[in-house]
Amino acid sequence: MIKLIGVVIILVGLVLKLDTLGVVLVEGLSTGLESGLGIGEILSIIGGSFYFYTIYVNFLINIISGKCRQVLYGTNGKKVSYFRLTPGTFFGEMDYLDQNRTCVKTECLTDVKLSVIYHETLEK
């Protein structure tokens, strides 16, 4: 196998302008396999440290179960504040409504169950 295959996958994904989340997931799987981890271990690691970055989105996300937090960063890159997200809380609404990239990072603190509500459903 190729050492540092993850770097190659990320570069190819950037050059071809592929879906960012898909590229990162493929990169994580391939790097995990390269390092000798099993599929179950890889999925556990990915699920346990999943970060959802809100980028140009056409959906909202509702937390069904579990806990997340949002971290807001200042212009200097330092953490400014935290927001707790619990079941029933939506996130991604700022990006959805403004279609702008925000400086908020959503981190899942526990196993979560999410509901994704797409633009097409919201506009009906």
PDB file of N, CA and C in Angstrom:
ATOM      1  N   MET A   1       0.843  -1.179   0.000  1.00  0.00           N
ATOM      2  CA  MET A   1       0.000   0.000   0.000  1.00  0.00           C
ATOM      3  C   MET A   1       0.897   1.253   0.000  1.00  0.00           C
ATOM      4  N   ILE A   2       0.292   2.338  -0.397  1.00  0.00           N
ATOM      5  CA  ILE A   2       1.026   3.593  -0.483  1.00  0.00           C
ATOM      6  C   ILE A   2       1.039   4.277   0.881  1.00  0.00           C
ATOM      7  N   LYS A   3       2.212   4.652   1.333  1.00  0.00           N
ATOM      8  CA  LYS A   3       2.316   5.414   2.574  1.00  0.00           C
ATOM      9  C   LYS A   3       1.763   6.819   2.326  1.00  0.00           C
ATOM     10  N   LEU A   4       1.137   7.379   3.319  1.00  0.00           N
ATOM     11  CA  LEU A   4       0.540   8.714   3.242  1.00  0.00           C
ATOM     12  C   LEU A   4      -0.525   8.813   2.145  1.00  0.00           C
ATOM     13  N   ILE A   5      -1.286   7.733   1.942  1.00  0.00           N
ATOM     14  CA  ILE A   5      -2.345   7.722   0.939  1.00  0.00           C
ATOM     15  C   ILE A   5      -3.386   8.806   1.214  1.00  0.00           C
ATOM     16  N   GLY A   6      -3.578   9.134   2.491  1.00  0.00           N
ATOM     17  CA  GLY A   6      -4.550  10.162   2.850  1.00  0.00           C
ATOM     18  C   GLY A   6      -4.233  11.514   2.237  1.00  0.00           C
ATOM     19  N   VAL A   7      -2.950  11.856   2.183  1.00  0.00           N
ATOM     20  CA  VAL A   7      -2.538  13.123   1.591  1.00  0.00           C
ATOM     21  C   VAL A   7      -2.896  13.143   0.107  1.00  0.00           C
ATOM     22  N   VAL A   8      -2.657  12.057  -0.574  1.00  0.00           N
ATOM     23  CA  VAL A   8      -2.969  11.953  -2.001  1.00  0.00           C
ATOM     24  C   VAL A   8      -4.480  12.101  -2.216  1.00  0.00           C
ATOM     25  N   ILE A   9      -5.269  11.435  -1.380  1.00  0.00           N
ATOM     26  CA  ILE A   9      -6.732  11.499  -1.516  1.00  0.00           C
ATOM     27  C   ILE A   9      -7.224  12.926  -1.298  1.00  0.00           C
ATOM     28  N   ILE A  10      -6.711  13.607  -0.283  1.00  0.00           N
ATOM     29  CA  ILE A  10      -7.115  14.989  -0.024  1.00  0.00           C
ATOM     30  C   ILE A  10      -6.745  15.888  -1.204  1.00  0.00           C
ATOM     31  N   LEU A  11      -5.533  15.747  -1.718  1.00  0.00           N
ATOM     32  CA  LEU A  11      -5.103  16.574  -2.849  1.00  0.00           C
ATOM     33  C   LEU A  11      -5.957  16.329  -4.083  1.00  0.00           C
ATOM     34  N   VAL A  12      -6.236  15.067  -4.376  1.00  0.00           N
ATOM     35  CA  VAL A  12      -7.083  14.742  -5.535  1.00  0.00           C
ATOM     36  C   VAL A  12      -8.483  15.323  -5.334  1.00  0.00           C
ATOM     37  N   GLY A  13      -9.014  15.195  -4.120  1.00  0.00           N
ATOM     38  CA  GLY A  13     -10.327  15.755  -3.824  1.00  0.00           C
ATOM     39  C   GLY A  13     -10.375  17.257  -4.020  1.00  0.00           C
ATOM     40  N   LEU A  14      -9.323  17.961  -3.595  1.00  0.00           N
ATOM     41  CA  LEU A  14      -9.265  19.416  -3.779  1.00  0.00           C
ATOM     42  C   LEU A  14      -9.173  19.792  -5.246  1.00  0.00           C
ATOM     43  N   VAL A  15      -8.300  19.104  -5.972  1.00  0.00           N
ATOM     44  CA  VAL A  15      -8.109  19.409  -7.392  1.00  0.00           C
ATOM     45  C   VAL A  15      -9.397  19.164  -8.183  1.00  0.00           C
ATOM     46  N   LEU A  16     -10.073  18.061  -7.896  1.00  0.00           N
ATOM     47  CA  LEU A  16     -11.305  17.712  -8.622  1.00  0.00           C
ATOM     48  C   LEU A  16     -12.548  18.382  -8.044  1.00  0.00           C
ATOM     49  N   LYS A  17     -12.369  19.151  -6.952  1.00  0.00           N
ATOM     50  CA  LYS A  17     -13.469  19.866  -6.286  1.00  0.00           C
ATOM     51  C   LYS A  17     -14.608  18.917  -5.911  1.00  0.00           C
ATOM     52  N   LEU A  18     -14.225  17.796  -5.295  1.00  0.00           N
ATOM     53  CA  LEU A  18     -15.200  16.806  -4.855  1.00  0.00           C
ATOM     54  C   LEU A  18     -15.805  17.219  -3.519  1.00  0.00           C
ATOM     55  N   ASP A  19     -16.885  16.561  -3.132  1.00  0.00           N
ATOM     56  CA  ASP A  19     -17.551  16.826  -1.869  1.00  0.00           C
ATOM     57  C   ASP A  19     -16.554  16.686  -0.724  1.00  0.00           C
ATOM     58  N   THR A  20     -16.398  17.752   0.064  1.00  0.00           N
ATOM     59  CA  THR A  20     -15.390  17.794   1.113  1.00  0.00           C
ATOM     60  C   THR A  20     -15.581  16.697   2.155  1.00  0.00           C
ATOM     61  N   LEU A  21     -16.805  16.554   2.654  1.00  0.00           N
ATOM     62  CA  LEU A  21     -17.056  15.555   3.686  1.00  0.00           C
ATOM     63  C   LEU A  21     -16.793  14.148   3.153  1.00  0.00           C
ATOM     64  N   GLY A  22     -17.201  13.873   1.924  1.00  0.00           N
ATOM     65  CA  GLY A  22     -16.959  12.566   1.318  1.00  0.00           C
ATOM     66  C   GLY A  22     -15.475  12.272   1.179  1.00  0.00           C
ATOM     67  N   VAL A  23     -14.717  13.266   0.745  1.00  0.00           N
ATOM     68  CA  VAL A  23     -13.267  13.095   0.584  1.00  0.00           C
ATOM     69  C   VAL A  23     -12.614  12.814   1.935  1.00  0.00           C
ATOM     70  N   VAL A  24     -13.016  13.548   2.965  1.00  0.00           N
ATOM     71  CA  VAL A  24     -12.432  13.355   4.296  1.00  0.00           C
ATOM     72  C   VAL A  24     -12.770  11.968   4.835  1.00  0.00           C
ATOM     73  N   LEU A  25     -13.992  11.511   4.619  1.00  0.00           N
ATOM     74  CA  LEU A  25     -14.369  10.173   5.080  1.00  0.00           C
ATOM     75  C   LEU A  25     -13.580   9.084   4.354  1.00  0.00           C
ATOM     76  N   VAL A  26     -13.437   9.227   3.039  1.00  0.00           N
ATOM     77  CA  VAL A  26     -12.647   8.251   2.267  1.00  0.00           C
ATOM     78  C   VAL A  26     -11.196   8.284   2.728  1.00  0.00           C
ATOM     79  N   GLU A  27     -10.680   9.481   2.969  1.00  0.00           N
ATOM     80  CA  GLU A  27      -9.306   9.617   3.452  1.00  0.00           C
ATOM     81  C   GLU A  27      -9.135   8.944   4.813  1.00  0.00           C
ATOM     82  N   GLY A  28     -10.092   9.138   5.699  1.00  0.00           N
ATOM     83  CA  GLY A  28     -10.019   8.524   7.019  1.00  0.00           C
ATOM     84  C   GLY A  28     -10.050   7.003   6.947  1.00  0.00           C
ATOM     85  N   LEU A  29     -10.936   6.476   6.108  1.00  0.00           N
ATOM     86  CA  LEU A  29     -11.016   5.021   5.939  1.00  0.00           C
ATOM     87  C   LEU A  29      -9.719   4.454   5.372  1.00  0.00           C
ATOM     88  N   SER A  30      -9.209   5.102   4.331  1.00  0.00           N
ATOM     89  CA  SER A  30      -7.992   4.571   3.700  1.00  0.00           C
ATOM     90  C   SER A  30      -6.784   4.673   4.630  1.00  0.00           C
ATOM     91  N   THR A  31      -6.659   5.772   5.356  1.00  0.00           N
ATOM     92  CA  THR A  31      -5.549   5.921   6.287  1.00  0.00           C
ATOM     93  C   THR A  31      -5.654   4.895   7.411  1.00  0.00           C
ATOM     94  N   GLY A  32      -6.880   4.675   7.909  1.00  0.00           N
ATOM     95  CA  GLY A  32      -7.084   3.665   8.947  1.00  0.00           C
ATOM     96  C   GLY A  32      -6.720   2.279   8.479  1.00  0.00           C
ATOM     97  N   LEU A  33      -7.148   1.925   7.270  1.00  0.00           N
ATOM     98  CA  LEU A  33      -6.814   0.609   6.715  1.00  0.00           C
ATOM     99  C   LEU A  33      -5.310   0.478   6.510  1.00  0.00           C
ATOM    100  N   GLU A  34      -4.687   1.547   6.025  1.00  0.00           N
ATOM    101  CA  GLU A  34      -3.240   1.543   5.806  1.00  0.00           C
ATOM    102  C   GLU A  34      -2.486   1.306   7.110  1.00  0.00           C
ATOM    103  N   SER A  35      -3.026   1.834   8.204  1.00  0.00           N
ATOM    104  CA  SER A  35      -2.336   1.688   9.488  1.00  0.00           C
ATOM    105  C   SER A  35      -2.701   0.398  10.210  1.00  0.00           C
ATOM    106  N   GLY A  36      -3.506  -0.457   9.554  1.00  0.00           N
ATOM    107  CA  GLY A  36      -3.791  -1.771  10.112  1.00  0.00           C
ATOM    108  C   GLY A  36      -5.040  -1.866  10.971  1.00  0.00           C
ATOM    109  N   LEU A  37      -5.845  -0.821  11.003  1.00  0.00           N
ATOM    110  CA  LEU A  37      -7.087  -0.865  11.775  1.00  0.00           C
ATOM    111  C   LEU A  37      -8.170  -1.608  11.001  1.00  0.00           C
ATOM    112  N   GLY A  38      -9.089  -2.206  11.734  1.00  0.00           N
ATOM    113  CA  GLY A  38     -10.236  -2.844  11.108  1.00  0.00           C
ATOM    114  C   GLY A  38     -11.326  -1.822  10.829  1.00  0.00           C
ATOM    115  N   ILE A  39     -12.289  -2.185   9.990  1.00  0.00           N
ATOM    116  CA  ILE A  39     -13.372  -1.276   9.634  1.00  0.00           C
ATOM    117  C   ILE A  39     -14.124  -0.811  10.882  1.00  0.00           C
ATOM    118  N   GLY A  40     -14.412  -1.720  11.810  1.00  0.00           N
ATOM    119  CA  GLY A  40     -15.128  -1.358  13.028  1.00  0.00           C
ATOM    120  C   GLY A  40     -14.382  -0.321  13.846  1.00  0.00           C
ATOM    121  N   GLU A  41     -13.077  -0.504  13.967  1.00  0.00           N
ATOM    122  CA  GLU A  41     -12.263   0.456  14.719  1.00  0.00           C
ATOM    123  C   GLU A  41     -12.250   1.825  14.037  1.00  0.00           C
ATOM    124  N   ILE A  42     -12.132   1.809  12.726  1.00  0.00           N
ATOM    125  CA  ILE A  42     -12.092   3.066  11.975  1.00  0.00           C
ATOM    126  C   ILE A  42     -13.404   3.826  12.139  1.00  0.00           C
ATOM    127  N   LEU A  43     -14.521   3.119  11.974  1.00  0.00           N
ATOM    128  CA  LEU A  43     -15.822   3.774  12.099  1.00  0.00           C
ATOM    129  C   LEU A  43     -16.046   4.289  13.514  1.00  0.00           C
ATOM    130  N   SER A  44     -15.545   3.575  14.492  1.00  0.00           N
ATOM    131  CA  SER A  44     -15.654   4.032  15.876  1.00  0.00           C
ATOM    132  C   SER A  44     -14.869   5.320  16.091  1.00  0.00           C
ATOM    133  N   ILE A  45     -13.684   5.379  15.526  1.00  0.00           N
ATOM    134  CA  ILE A  45     -12.848   6.583  15.651  1.00  0.00           C
ATOM    135  C   ILE A  45     -13.507   7.752  14.932  1.00  0.00           C
ATOM    136  N   ILE A  46     -13.976   7.514  13.709  1.00  0.00           N
ATOM    137  CA  ILE A  46     -14.621   8.584  12.946  1.00  0.00           C
ATOM    138  C   ILE A  46     -15.870   9.068  13.676  1.00  0.00           C
ATOM    139  N   GLY A  47     -16.684   8.148  14.164  1.00  0.00           N
ATOM    140  CA  GLY A  47     -17.903   8.522  14.874  1.00  0.00           C
ATOM    141  C   GLY A  47     -17.641   9.207  16.192  1.00  0.00           C
ATOM    142  N   GLY A  48     -16.564   8.818  16.862  1.00  0.00           N
ATOM    143  CA  GLY A  48     -16.257   9.390  18.164  1.00  0.00           C
ATOM    144  C   GLY A  48     -15.653  10.771  18.102  1.00  0.00           C
ATOM    145  N   SER A  49     -15.096  11.128  16.976  1.00  0.00           N
ATOM    146  CA  SER A  49     -14.463  12.442  16.876  1.00  0.00           C
ATOM    147  C   SER A  49     -14.968  13.192  15.655  1.00  0.00           C
ATOM    148  N   PHE A  50     -16.249  13.039  15.376  1.00  0.00           N
ATOM    149  CA  PHE A  50     -16.840  13.668  14.207  1.00  0.00           C
ATOM    150  C   PHE A  50     -17.002  15.160  14.438  1.00  0.00           C
ATOM    151  N   TYR A  51     -16.497  15.932  13.552  1.00  0.00           N
ATOM    152  CA  TYR A  51     -16.670  17.376  13.591  1.00  0.00           C
ATOM    153  C   TYR A  51     -17.496  17.770  12.390  1.00  0.00           C
ATOM    154  N   PHE A  52     -18.513  18.561  12.617  1.00  0.00           N
ATOM    155  CA  PHE A  52     -19.355  19.023  11.529  1.00  0.00           C
ATOM    156  C   PHE A  52     -19.068  20.497  11.314  1.00  0.00           C
ATOM    157  N   TYR A  53     -18.426  20.815  10.217  1.00  0.00           N
ATOM    158  CA  TYR A  53     -18.159  22.206   9.894  1.00  0.00           C
ATOM    159  C   TYR A  53     -19.287  22.712   9.010  1.00  0.00           C
ATOM    160  N   THR A  54     -19.878  23.843   9.399  1.00  0.00           N
ATOM    161  CA  THR A  54     -20.928  24.397   8.575  1.00  0.00           C
ATOM    162  C   THR A  54     -20.286  25.208   7.468  1.00  0.00           C
ATOM    163  N   ILE A  55     -20.501  24.764   6.261  1.00  0.00           N
ATOM    164  CA  ILE A  55     -20.033  25.451   5.070  1.00  0.00           C
ATOM    165  C   ILE A  55     -21.301  25.718   4.277  1.00  0.00           C
ATOM    166  N   TYR A  56     -21.239  26.275   3.120  1.00  0.00           N
ATOM    167  CA  TYR A  56     -22.422  26.570   2.321  1.00  0.00           C
ATOM    168  C   TYR A  56     -23.368  25.371   2.364  1.00  0.00           C
ATOM    169  N   VAL A  57     -24.500  25.544   2.993  1.00  0.00           N
ATOM    170  CA  VAL A  57     -25.394  24.411   3.215  1.00  0.00           C
ATOM    171  C   VAL A  57     -26.777  24.679   2.661  1.00  0.00           C
ATOM    172  N   ASN A  58     -27.475  23.595   2.320  1.00  0.00           N
ATOM    173  CA  ASN A  58     -28.861  23.698   1.885  1.00  0.00           C
ATOM    174  C   ASN A  58     -29.742  22.844   2.790  1.00  0.00           C
ATOM    175  N   PHE A  59     -29.369  22.772   4.068  1.00  0.00           N
ATOM    176  CA  PHE A  59     -30.121  21.973   5.020  1.00  0.00           C
ATOM    177  C   PHE A  59     -29.914  22.495   6.440  1.00  0.00           C
ATOM    178  N   LEU A  60     -30.798  22.075   7.321  1.00  0.00           N
ATOM    179  CA  LEU A  60     -30.673  22.312   8.754  1.00  0.00           C
ATOM    180  C   LEU A  60     -30.507  20.962   9.432  1.00  0.00           C
ATOM    181  N   ILE A  61     -29.917  20.943  10.588  1.00  0.00           N
ATOM    182  CA  ILE A  61     -29.733  19.693  11.313  1.00  0.00           C
ATOM    183  C   ILE A  61     -30.379  19.820  12.685  1.00  0.00           C
ATOM    184  N   ASN A  62     -31.158  18.818  13.060  1.00  0.00           N
ATOM    185  CA  ASN A  62     -31.819  18.757  14.356  1.00  0.00           C
ATOM    186  C   ASN A  62     -31.199  17.614  15.150  1.00  0.00           C
ATOM    187  N   ILE A  63     -30.868  17.864  16.399  1.00  0.00           N
ATOM    188  CA  ILE A  63     -30.316  16.818  17.256  1.00  0.00           C
ATOM    189  C   ILE A  63     -31.480  16.035  17.852  1.00  0.00           C
ATOM    190  N   ILE A  64     -31.550  14.754  17.547  1.00  0.00           N
ATOM    191  CA  ILE A  64     -32.595  13.872  18.069  1.00  0.00           C
ATOM    192  C   ILE A  64     -32.182  13.341  19.444  1.00  0.00           C
ATOM    193  N   SER A  65     -30.948  12.876  19.555  1.00  0.00           N
ATOM    194  CA  SER A  65     -30.428  12.402  20.835  1.00  0.00           C
ATOM    195  C   SER A  65     -28.931  12.631  20.876  1.00  0.00           C
ATOM    196  N   GLY A  66     -28.400  12.740  22.079  1.00  0.00           N
ATOM    197  CA  GLY A  66     -26.969  12.974  22.252  1.00  0.00           C
ATOM    198  C   GLY A  66     -26.685  14.440  22.541  1.00  0.00           C
ATOM    199  N   LYS A  67     -25.402  14.751  22.658  1.00  0.00           N
ATOM    200  CA  LYS A  67     -24.988  16.108  23.002  1.00  0.00           C
ATOM    201  C   LYS A  67     -23.885  16.583  22.069  1.00  0.00           C
ATOM    202  N   CYS A  68     -23.978  17.833  21.680  1.00  0.00           N
ATOM    203  CA  CYS A  68     -22.954  18.487  20.864  1.00  0.00           C
ATOM    204  C   CYS A  68     -22.646  19.829  21.498  1.00  0.00           C
ATOM    205  N   ARG A  69     -21.632  20.467  20.981  1.00  0.00           N
ATOM    206  CA  ARG A  69     -21.365  21.846  21.370  1.00  0.00           C
ATOM    207  C   ARG A  69     -20.881  22.589  20.140  1.00  0.00           C
ATOM    208  N   GLN A  70     -21.133  23.867  20.132  1.00  0.00           N
ATOM    209  CA  GLN A  70     -20.606  24.708  19.076  1.00  0.00           C
ATOM    210  C   GLN A  70     -19.540  25.597  19.676  1.00  0.00           C
ATOM    211  N   VAL A  71     -18.463  25.735  18.946  1.00  0.00           N
ATOM    212  CA  VAL A  71     -17.352  26.571  19.374  1.00  0.00           C
ATOM    213  C   VAL A  71     -17.287  27.746  18.413  1.00  0.00           C
ATOM    214  N   LEU A  72     -17.310  28.932  18.961  1.00  0.00           N
ATOM    215  CA  LEU A  72     -17.224  30.149  18.172  1.00  0.00           C
ATOM    216  C   LEU A  72     -15.809  30.681  18.283  1.00  0.00           C
ATOM    217  N   TYR A  73     -15.210  30.994  17.143  1.00  0.00           N
ATOM    218  CA  TYR A  73     -13.839  31.491  17.117  1.00  0.00           C
ATOM    219  C   TYR A  73     -13.821  32.966  16.756  1.00  0.00           C
ATOM    220  N   GLY A  74     -12.918  33.701  17.369  1.00  0.00           N
ATOM    221  CA  GLY A  74     -12.727  35.109  17.045  1.00  0.00           C
ATOM    222  C   GLY A  74     -11.868  35.263  15.809  1.00  0.00           C
ATOM    223  N   THR A  75     -11.689  36.495  15.384  1.00  0.00           N
ATOM    224  CA  THR A  75     -10.887  36.763  14.189  1.00  0.00           C
ATOM    225  C   THR A  75      -9.426  36.394  14.382  1.00  0.00           C
ATOM    226  N   ASN A  76      -8.994  36.294  15.645  1.00  0.00           N
ATOM    227  CA  ASN A  76      -7.611  35.905  15.931  1.00  0.00           C
ATOM    228  C   ASN A  76      -7.441  34.385  16.005  1.00  0.00           C
ATOM    229  N   GLY A  77      -8.536  33.631  15.794  1.00  0.00           N
ATOM    230  CA  GLY A  77      -8.473  32.177  15.820  1.00  0.00           C
ATOM    231  C   GLY A  77      -8.660  31.557  17.187  1.00  0.00           C
ATOM    232  N   LYS A  78      -8.820  32.376  18.212  1.00  0.00           N
ATOM    233  CA  LYS A  78      -9.004  31.854  19.570  1.00  0.00           C
ATOM    234  C   LYS A  78     -10.483  31.578  19.835  1.00  0.00           C
ATOM    235  N   LYS A  79     -10.725  30.576  20.685  1.00  0.00           N
ATOM    236  CA  LYS A  79     -12.092  30.234  21.062  1.00  0.00           C
ATOM    237  C   LYS A  79     -12.704  31.387  21.848  1.00  0.00           C
ATOM    238  N   VAL A  80     -13.900  31.793  21.441  1.00  0.00           N
ATOM    239  CA  VAL A  80     -14.583  32.898  22.100  1.00  0.00           C
ATOM    240  C   VAL A  80     -15.644  32.374  23.060  1.00  0.00           C
ATOM    241  N   SER A  81     -16.429  31.422  22.613  1.00  0.00           N
ATOM    242  CA  SER A  81     -17.483  30.901  23.494  1.00  0.00           C
ATOM    243  C   SER A  81     -17.933  29.519  23.024  1.00  0.00           C
ATOM    244  N   TYR A  82     -18.665  28.856  23.915  1.00  0.00           N
ATOM    245  CA  TYR A  82     -19.219  27.544  23.644  1.00  0.00           C
ATOM    246  C   TYR A  82     -20.733  27.620  23.784  1.00  0.00           C
ATOM    247  N   PHE A  83     -21.431  26.850  22.959  1.00  0.00           N
ATOM    248  CA  PHE A  83     -22.876  26.726  23.063  1.00  0.00           C
ATOM    249  C   PHE A  83     -23.194  25.249  23.177  1.00  0.00           C
ATOM    250  N   ARG A  84     -23.955  24.871  24.178  1.00  0.00           N
ATOM    251  CA  ARG A  84     -24.365  23.469  24.315  1.00  0.00           C
ATOM    252  C   ARG A  84     -25.550  23.197  23.420  1.00  0.00           C
ATOM    253  N   LEU A  85     -25.521  22.072  22.744  1.00  0.00           N
ATOM    254  CA  LEU A  85     -26.615  21.650  21.877  1.00  0.00           C
ATOM    255  C   LEU A  85     -27.159  20.330  22.409  1.00  0.00           C
ATOM    256  N   THR A  86     -28.425  20.300  22.689  1.00  0.00           N
ATOM    257  CA  THR A  86     -29.073  19.119  23.259  1.00  0.00           C
ATOM    258  C   THR A  86     -30.226  18.698  22.356  1.00  0.00           C
ATOM    259  N   PRO A  87     -30.846  17.548  22.627  1.00  0.00           N
ATOM    260  CA  PRO A  87     -31.954  17.095  21.782  1.00  0.00           C
ATOM    261  C   PRO A  87     -33.018  18.184  21.591  1.00  0.00           C
ATOM    262  N   GLY A  88     -33.449  18.331  20.332  1.00  0.00           N
ATOM    263  CA  GLY A  88     -34.420  19.360  19.979  1.00  0.00           C
ATOM    264  C   GLY A  88     -33.785  20.621  19.435  1.00  0.00           C
ATOM    265  N   THR A  89     -32.462  20.722  19.552  1.00  0.00           N
ATOM    266  CA  THR A  89     -31.743  21.901  19.084  1.00  0.00           C
ATOM    267  C   THR A  89     -31.404  21.750  17.604  1.00  0.00           C
ATOM    268  N   PHE A  90     -31.550  22.833  16.859  1.00  0.00           N
ATOM    269  CA  PHE A  90     -31.144  22.885  15.454  1.00  0.00           C
ATOM    270  C   PHE A  90     -29.802  23.575  15.347  1.00  0.00           C
ATOM    271  N   PHE A  91     -29.036  23.201  14.324  1.00  0.00           N
ATOM    272  CA  PHE A  91     -27.850  23.981  13.989  1.00  0.00           C
ATOM    273  C   PHE A  91     -27.670  23.995  12.484  1.00  0.00           C
ATOM    274  N   GLY A  92     -26.846  24.929  12.020  1.00  0.00           N
ATOM    275  CA  GLY A  92     -26.665  25.136  10.583  1.00  0.00           C
ATOM    276  C   GLY A  92     -27.590  26.210  10.041  1.00  0.00           C
ATOM    277  N   GLU A  93     -28.428  26.788  10.911  1.00  0.00           N
ATOM    278  CA  GLU A  93     -29.416  27.765  10.448  1.00  0.00           C
ATOM    279  C   GLU A  93     -28.785  29.071   9.978  1.00  0.00           C
ATOM    280  N   MET A  94     -27.673  29.470  10.599  1.00  0.00           N
ATOM    281  CA  MET A  94     -27.029  30.715  10.166  1.00  0.00           C
ATOM    282  C   MET A  94     -26.517  30.579   8.735  1.00  0.00           C
ATOM    283  N   ASP A  95     -25.884  29.472   8.445  1.00  0.00           N
ATOM    284  CA  ASP A  95     -25.399  29.241   7.080  1.00  0.00           C
ATOM    285  C   ASP A  95     -26.556  29.063   6.109  1.00  0.00           C
ATOM    286  N   TYR A  96     -27.579  28.361   6.540  1.00  0.00           N
ATOM    287  CA  TYR A  96     -28.726  28.121   5.655  1.00  0.00           C
ATOM    288  C   TYR A  96     -29.390  29.439   5.273  1.00  0.00           C
ATOM    289  N   LEU A  97     -29.633  30.294   6.243  1.00  0.00           N
ATOM    290  CA  LEU A  97     -30.356  31.537   5.981  1.00  0.00           C
ATOM    291  C   LEU A  97     -29.501  32.575   5.271  1.00  0.00           C
ATOM    292  N   ASP A  98     -28.235  32.683   5.637  1.00  0.00           N
ATOM    293  CA  ASP A  98     -27.362  33.703   5.057  1.00  0.00           C
ATOM    294  C   ASP A  98     -26.527  33.198   3.891  1.00  0.00           C
ATOM    295  N   GLN A  99     -26.410  31.880   3.742  1.00  0.00           N
ATOM    296  CA  GLN A  99     -25.566  31.263   2.720  1.00  0.00           C
ATOM    297  C   GLN A  99     -24.129  31.767   2.821  1.00  0.00           C
ATOM    298  N   ASN A 100     -23.684  31.975   4.046  1.00  0.00           N
ATOM    299  CA  ASN A 100     -22.305  32.405   4.294  1.00  0.00           C
ATOM    300  C   ASN A 100     -21.605  31.378   5.141  1.00  0.00           C
ATOM    301  N   ARG A 101     -20.325  31.369   5.038  1.00  0.00           N
ATOM    302  CA  ARG A 101     -19.513  30.501   5.884  1.00  0.00           C
ATOM    303  C   ARG A 101     -19.373  31.147   7.253  1.00  0.00           C
ATOM    304  N   THR A 102     -19.573  30.379   8.278  1.00  0.00           N
ATOM    305  CA  THR A 102     -19.439  30.929   9.628  1.00  0.00           C
ATOM    306  C   THR A 102     -18.151  30.428  10.256  1.00  0.00           C
ATOM    307  N   CYS A 103     -17.865  30.986  11.410  1.00  0.00           N
ATOM    308  CA  CYS A 103     -16.665  30.566  12.132  1.00  0.00           C
ATOM    309  C   CYS A 103     -17.053  29.672  13.308  1.00  0.00           C
ATOM    310  N   VAL A 104     -18.191  28.990  13.190  1.00  0.00           N
ATOM    311  CA  VAL A 104     -18.669  28.104  14.247  1.00  0.00           C
ATOM    312  C   VAL A 104     -18.353  26.664  13.864  1.00  0.00           C
ATOM    313  N   LYS A 105     -17.832  25.922  14.827  1.00  0.00           N
ATOM    314  CA  LYS A 105     -17.548  24.504  14.615  1.00  0.00           C
ATOM    315  C   LYS A 105     -18.439  23.719  15.560  1.00  0.00           C
ATOM    316  N   THR A 106     -19.146  22.722  15.037  1.00  0.00           N
ATOM    317  CA  THR A 106     -20.003  21.889  15.863  1.00  0.00           C
ATOM    318  C   THR A 106     -19.293  20.574  16.128  1.00  0.00           C
ATOM    319  N   GLU A 107     -19.150  20.237  17.411  1.00  0.00           N
ATOM    320  CA  GLU A 107     -18.478  19.014  17.826  1.00  0.00           C
ATOM    321  C   GLU A 107     -19.489  18.117  18.538  1.00  0.00           C
ATOM    322  N   CYS A 108     -19.513  16.849  18.169  1.00  0.00           N
ATOM    323  CA  CYS A 108     -20.369  15.890  18.852  1.00  0.00           C
ATOM    324  C   CYS A 108     -19.618  15.357  20.066  1.00  0.00           C
ATOM    325  N   LEU A 109     -20.227  15.516  21.237  1.00  0.00           N
ATOM    326  CA  LEU A 109     -19.589  15.110  22.485  1.00  0.00           C
ATOM    327  C   LEU A 109     -19.929  13.678  22.874  1.00  0.00           C
ATOM    328  N   THR A 110     -21.055  13.178  22.385  1.00  0.00           N
ATOM    329  CA  THR A 110     -21.491  11.810  22.644  1.00  0.00           C
ATOM    330  C   THR A 110     -21.966  11.228  21.319  1.00  0.00           C
ATOM    331  N   ASP A 111     -22.366   9.975  21.329  1.00  0.00           N
ATOM    332  CA  ASP A 111     -23.025   9.433  20.155  1.00  0.00           C
ATOM    333  C   ASP A 111     -24.294  10.245  19.942  1.00  0.00           C
ATOM    334  N   VAL A 112     -24.557  10.619  18.708  1.00  0.00           N
ATOM    335  CA  VAL A 112     -25.724  11.442  18.428  1.00  0.00           C
ATOM    336  C   VAL A 112     -26.556  10.827  17.322  1.00  0.00           C
ATOM    337  N   LYS A 113     -27.816  11.142  17.351  1.00  0.00           N
ATOM    338  CA  LYS A 113     -28.739  10.809  16.274  1.00  0.00           C
ATOM    339  C   LYS A 113     -29.230  12.141  15.741  1.00  0.00           C
ATOM    340  N   LEU A 114     -29.036  12.365  14.444  1.00  0.00           N
ATOM    341  CA  LEU A 114     -29.355  13.643  13.828  1.00  0.00           C
ATOM    342  C   LEU A 114     -30.449  13.476  12.790  1.00  0.00           C
ATOM    343  N   SER A 115     -31.220  14.515  12.612  1.00  0.00           N
ATOM    344  CA  SER A 115     -32.215  14.577  11.548  1.00  0.00           C
ATOM    345  C   SER A 115     -31.807  15.719  10.632  1.00  0.00           C
ATOM    346  N   VAL A 116     -31.676  15.436   9.340  1.00  0.00           N
ATOM    347  CA  VAL A 116     -31.288  16.449   8.367  1.00  0.00           C
ATOM    348  C   VAL A 116     -32.541  16.872   7.609  1.00  0.00           C
ATOM    349  N   ILE A 117     -32.782  18.172   7.584  1.00  0.00           N
ATOM    350  CA  ILE A 117     -33.945  18.714   6.885  1.00  0.00           C
ATOM    351  C   ILE A 117     -33.424  19.529   5.711  1.00  0.00           C
ATOM    352  N   TYR A 118     -33.677  19.028   4.505  1.00  0.00           N
ATOM    353  CA  TYR A 118     -33.135  19.646   3.304  1.00  0.00           C
ATOM    354  C   TYR A 118     -33.975  20.831   2.825  1.00  0.00           C
ATOM    355  N   HIS A 119     -33.355  21.690   2.043  1.00  0.00           N
ATOM    356  CA  HIS A 119     -33.979  22.893   1.494  1.00  0.00           C
ATOM    357  C   HIS A 119     -35.309  22.578   0.809  1.00  0.00           C
ATOM    358  N   GLU A 120     -35.333  21.506   0.037  1.00  0.00           N
ATOM    359  CA  GLU A 120     -36.541  21.167  -0.711  1.00  0.00           C
ATOM    360  C   GLU A 120     -37.728  20.941   0.233  1.00  0.00           C
ATOM    361  N   THR A 121     -37.484  20.338   1.389  1.00  0.00           N
ATOM    362  CA  THR A 121     -38.541  20.085   2.368  1.00  0.00           C
ATOM    363  C   THR A 121     -38.951  21.382   3.048  1.00  0.00           C
ATOM    364  N   LEU A 122     -37.988  22.215   3.375  1.00  0.00           N
ATOM    365  CA  LEU A 122     -38.283  23.476   4.054  1.00  0.00           C
ATOM    366  C   LEU A 122     -39.084  24.429   3.179  1.00  0.00           C
ATOM    367  N   GLU A 123     -38.871  24.379   1.892  1.00  0.00           N
ATOM    368  CA  GLU A 123     -39.516  25.316   0.984  1.00  0.00           C
ATOM    369  C   GLU A 123     -40.894  24.867   0.512  1.00  0.00           C
ATOM    370  N   LYS A 124     -41.339  23.673   0.948  1.00  0.00           N
ATOM    371  CA  LYS A 124     -42.669  23.195   0.525  1.00  0.00           C
ATOM    372  C   LYS A 124     -43.765  23.948   1.225  1.00  0.00           C
TER     373      LYS A 124
END
